[in-house]
Amino acid sequence: MKILVVIILLLISHFQYRIWLGDGSIAQIDAYQLRLDDLKKEAEEKRQRNEALYAEVLDLRKGQEAIEERARDELGMIKEDETFFHVLE
């Protein structure tokens, strides 16, 4: 009977060790969950960025308005028969 109690106690201590400190322990699972949450957040940010870039590509393919807007903003271009006023402050 004593041997059975000792075996049961050894098994319980072994399982407790694995739960708290071993491979797949609670601490390790928490660390993996935090890493997974970070990766999900990063993936969502990249997905939103990709959607914005895709929308911009579609806009550039469809019409001249987007191209004209970029030329005005980035290159300072003006249309024919327009007057450009440069205001100094």
Protein backbone atom coordinates (compact mmCIF):
# COMPACT_ATOMS: atom_id res chain seq x y z
CA MET A 1 0.00 0.00 0.00
CA LYS A 2 2.88 2.35 0.83
CA ILE A 3 4.39 1.74 -2.59
CA LEU A 4 1.13 2.70 -4.27
CA VAL A 5 0.96 5.95 -2.28
CA VAL A 6 4.58 6.74 -3.19
CA ILE A 7 3.91 6.04 -6.87
CA ILE A 8 0.82 8.26 -6.83
CA LEU A 9 2.74 11.07 -5.11
CA LEU A 10 5.56 10.77 -7.65
CA LEU A 11 3.08 10.93 -10.52
CA ILE A 12 1.34 13.96 -9.02
CA SER A 13 4.66 15.76 -8.51
CA HIS A 14 5.74 14.89 -12.06
CA PHE A 15 2.51 16.28 -13.53
CA GLN A 16 2.70 19.39 -11.37
CA TYR A 17 6.24 20.00 -12.61
CA ARG A 18 5.11 19.66 -16.22
CA ILE A 19 2.17 22.01 -15.66
CA TRP A 20 4.21 24.79 -14.06
CA LEU A 21 7.73 24.43 -15.44
CA GLY A 22 7.92 21.83 -18.20
CA ASP A 23 7.34 21.92 -21.93
CA GLY A 24 3.92 23.38 -22.65
CA SER A 25 3.66 24.93 -19.20
CA ILE A 26 1.20 27.63 -18.29
CA ALA A 27 3.89 30.33 -18.47
CA GLN A 28 4.98 29.16 -21.92
CA ILE A 29 1.39 29.11 -23.15
CA ASP A 30 0.90 32.69 -21.89
CA ALA A 31 4.06 33.80 -23.69
CA TYR A 32 2.88 32.15 -26.91
CA GLN A 33 -0.52 33.81 -26.56
CA LEU A 34 1.09 37.25 -26.18
CA ARG A 35 3.25 36.63 -29.23
CA LEU A 36 0.20 35.46 -31.19
CA ASP A 37 -1.70 38.61 -30.22
CA ASP A 38 1.23 40.76 -31.39
CA LEU A 39 1.39 38.89 -34.69
CA LYS A 40 -2.36 39.24 -35.22
CA LYS A 41 -2.15 42.99 -34.59
CA GLU A 42 0.78 43.31 -36.99
CA ALA A 43 -1.03 41.27 -39.65
CA GLU A 44 -4.13 43.44 -39.31
CA GLU A 45 -2.08 46.62 -39.73
CA LYS A 46 -0.41 45.21 -42.82
CA ARG A 47 -3.76 44.07 -44.22
CA GLN A 48 -5.17 47.58 -43.82
CA ARG A 49 -2.09 49.07 -45.45
CA ASN A 50 -2.38 46.64 -48.35
CA GLU A 51 -6.03 47.51 -48.82
CA ALA A 52 -5.20 51.22 -48.92
CA LEU A 53 -2.45 50.63 -51.46
CA TYR A 54 -4.73 48.44 -53.56
CA ALA A 55 -7.42 51.14 -53.54
CA GLU A 56 -4.84 53.72 -54.61
CA VAL A 57 -3.67 51.47 -57.46
CA LEU A 58 -7.25 51.01 -58.65
CA ASP A 59 -7.82 54.75 -58.46
CA LEU A 60 -4.68 55.42 -60.49
CA ARG A 61 -5.72 52.88 -63.11
CA LYS A 62 -9.26 54.19 -63.48
CA GLY A 63 -9.00 57.92 -63.83
CA GLN A 64 -6.91 60.93 -64.50
CA GLU A 65 -8.11 62.72 -61.37
CA ALA A 66 -5.81 60.76 -59.05
CA ILE A 67 -2.84 61.26 -61.36
CA GLU A 68 -3.62 64.96 -61.60
CA GLU A 69 -3.93 65.24 -57.83
CA ARG A 70 -0.56 63.56 -57.27
CA ALA A 71 1.08 65.77 -59.90
CA ARG A 72 -0.28 68.88 -58.21
CA ASP A 73 0.66 67.84 -54.68
CA GLU A 74 4.02 66.20 -55.26
CA LEU A 75 5.34 68.01 -58.33
CA GLY A 76 3.65 71.39 -58.03
CA MET A 77 2.21 71.19 -61.54
CA ILE A 78 -0.64 73.41 -62.77
CA LYS A 79 -3.13 73.06 -65.59
CA GLU A 80 -3.03 75.01 -68.78
CA ASP A 81 -4.76 78.42 -68.49
CA GLU A 82 -4.46 78.38 -64.69
CA THR A 83 -2.77 81.12 -62.73
CA PHE A 84 -0.37 80.14 -59.98
CA PHE A 85 -0.17 82.37 -56.91
CA HIS A 86 2.69 81.83 -54.50
CA VAL A 87 1.83 83.33 -51.11
CA LEU A 88 4.72 84.16 -48.81
CA GLU A 89 3.98 84.45 -45.13
